[in-house]
Amino acid sequence: MKEYRSLVTQPDLNAHGTLHGGILVKWVDEACGMEARLLTSNVCATRHIGEIDFISKAALGDVLGIMVEHVKTGKTSLTFSANVYNLTNDCTHVAHFEKLVFVAVDKDHKPIKLSNT
């Protein structure tokens, strides 16, 4: 399991003054994508983002920890789950992402077979 961190800043806020859910999805997608890249040494494209459970809010200045867990390796894909915690607020659980799937691709964006990752 690896941790990535993000700081909530002004452009990340919604009309309520809290972190916009779409920004959080972007950050989790990027964190899992970086992990896929590191594990495969290949460029990986997002194939699927499954169930997302938004649990609590995050505000301006909060530091979020994105815990990425590699769950499974397929022929051309890697599956992850992720949990997001507010590190400035007693590690409050912010969100859970059940299934994020990434496919390793070649320079022509075609899936490539993964070796023992």
Protein backbone atom coordinates (compact mmCIF):
# COMPACT_ATOMS: atom_id res chain seq x y z
CA MET A 1 0.00 0.00 0.00
CA LYS A 2 1.35 3.44 -0.94
CA GLU A 3 0.34 6.89 0.21
CA TYR A 4 0.04 9.93 -2.03
CA ARG A 5 -0.83 13.39 -0.68
CA SER A 6 -2.77 16.38 -1.97
CA LEU A 7 -3.40 19.84 -0.54
CA VAL A 8 -6.88 21.36 -0.90
CA THR A 9 -6.47 24.84 -2.43
CA GLN A 10 -8.85 27.54 -3.67
CA PRO A 11 -9.44 26.24 -7.22
CA ASP A 12 -10.43 22.81 -5.78
CA LEU A 13 -13.51 24.10 -3.93
CA ASN A 14 -17.18 23.80 -4.89
CA ALA A 15 -20.00 26.31 -4.27
CA HIS A 16 -20.20 25.15 -0.62
CA GLY A 17 -16.54 25.99 -0.01
CA THR A 18 -15.51 22.33 0.36
CA LEU A 19 -13.48 20.04 -1.89
CA HIS A 20 -15.27 19.34 -5.17
CA GLY A 21 -15.90 15.60 -5.57
CA GLY A 22 -14.65 15.63 -9.16
CA ILE A 23 -11.29 17.01 -8.05
CA LEU A 24 -10.98 14.20 -5.51
CA VAL A 25 -11.76 11.62 -8.22
CA LYS A 26 -9.03 13.20 -10.39
CA TRP A 27 -6.49 12.99 -7.56
CA VAL A 28 -7.30 9.34 -6.83
CA ASP A 29 -7.18 8.50 -10.55
CA GLU A 30 -3.75 10.15 -10.79
CA ALA A 31 -2.43 8.38 -7.68
CA CYS A 32 -3.55 4.96 -8.92
CA GLY A 33 -2.23 5.77 -12.39
CA MET A 34 1.18 6.63 -10.98
CA GLU A 35 1.21 3.41 -9.01
CA ALA A 36 0.25 1.44 -12.15
CA ARG A 37 3.08 3.14 -14.04
CA LEU A 38 5.59 2.30 -11.31
CA LEU A 39 4.48 -1.34 -11.09
CA THR A 40 4.47 -1.98 -14.86
CA SER A 41 7.12 0.44 -16.17
CA ASN A 42 4.56 1.24 -18.86
CA VAL A 43 2.08 3.98 -19.57
CA CYS A 44 -1.30 2.90 -18.20
CA ALA A 45 -4.72 4.23 -19.11
CA THR A 46 -7.76 4.35 -16.85
CA ARG A 47 -10.22 1.67 -17.96
CA HIS A 48 -12.78 1.69 -15.15
CA ILE A 49 -13.61 3.51 -11.92
CA GLY A 50 -16.12 1.58 -9.86
CA GLU A 51 -18.11 2.50 -6.78
CA ILE A 52 -17.15 5.67 -4.91
CA ASP A 53 -18.34 6.37 -1.39
CA PHE A 54 -17.93 10.00 -0.28
CA ILE A 55 -17.87 9.84 3.52
CA SER A 56 -16.91 13.29 4.81
CA LYS A 57 -15.90 16.70 3.50
CA ALA A 58 -12.51 18.35 3.16
CA ALA A 59 -11.90 22.10 3.39
CA LEU A 60 -9.41 24.70 2.22
CA GLY A 61 -5.93 23.95 3.56
CA ASP A 62 -6.60 20.31 4.43
CA VAL A 63 -3.93 17.76 3.53
CA LEU A 64 -5.41 14.52 2.19
CA GLY A 65 -3.66 11.16 2.22
CA ILE A 66 -4.63 8.87 -0.65
CA MET A 67 -3.88 5.26 0.28
CA VAL A 68 -3.59 3.17 -2.88
CA GLU A 69 -3.72 -0.62 -2.69
CA HIS A 70 -2.87 -2.92 -5.60
CA VAL A 71 -5.59 -5.58 -5.52
CA LYS A 72 -5.11 -7.69 -8.64
CA THR A 73 -3.08 -8.08 -11.83
CA GLY A 74 -4.74 -9.33 -15.00
CA LYS A 75 -3.30 -10.11 -18.45
CA THR A 76 -3.12 -6.43 -19.44
CA SER A 77 -4.57 -4.66 -16.40
CA LEU A 78 -4.03 -3.72 -12.78
CA THR A 79 -6.85 -3.22 -10.29
CA PHE A 80 -6.59 -0.90 -7.29
CA SER A 81 -8.70 0.29 -4.39
CA ALA A 82 -8.13 3.58 -2.58
CA ASN A 83 -9.05 5.24 0.68
CA VAL A 84 -8.73 8.96 1.29
CA TYR A 85 -8.04 10.37 4.76
CA ASN A 86 -7.90 13.95 6.03
CA LEU A 87 -4.47 14.10 7.63
CA THR A 88 -5.13 17.52 9.21
CA ASN A 89 -8.36 16.37 10.87
CA ASP A 90 -7.46 13.32 13.00
CA CYS A 91 -7.27 11.12 9.86
CA THR A 92 -11.00 11.40 9.21
CA HIS A 93 -12.04 8.99 6.44
CA VAL A 94 -13.05 11.17 3.46
CA ALA A 95 -13.79 8.63 0.70
CA HIS A 96 -13.48 5.02 -0.44
CA PHE A 97 -12.92 3.93 -4.06
CA GLU A 98 -13.71 0.26 -4.55
CA LYS A 99 -12.32 -0.61 -7.98
CA LEU A 100 -10.03 1.34 -10.29
CA VAL A 101 -8.75 -0.57 -13.33
CA PHE A 102 -5.79 0.52 -15.46
CA VAL A 103 -4.61 -1.05 -18.71
CA ALA A 104 -0.97 -0.98 -19.79
CA VAL A 105 -0.72 0.41 -23.33
CA ASP A 106 1.94 0.72 -26.01
CA LYS A 107 2.80 3.84 -28.03
CA ASP A 108 -0.22 3.17 -30.28
CA HIS A 109 -2.52 2.96 -27.23
CA LYS A 110 -3.01 -0.79 -27.69
CA PRO A 111 -3.14 -3.02 -24.59
CA ILE A 112 0.07 -4.90 -23.86
CA LYS A 113 0.50 -8.10 -21.93
CA LEU A 114 1.97 -7.69 -18.46
CA SER A 115 4.74 -9.91 -17.22
CA ASN A 116 4.75 -11.06 -13.60
CA THR A 117 4.12 -7.71 -11.93
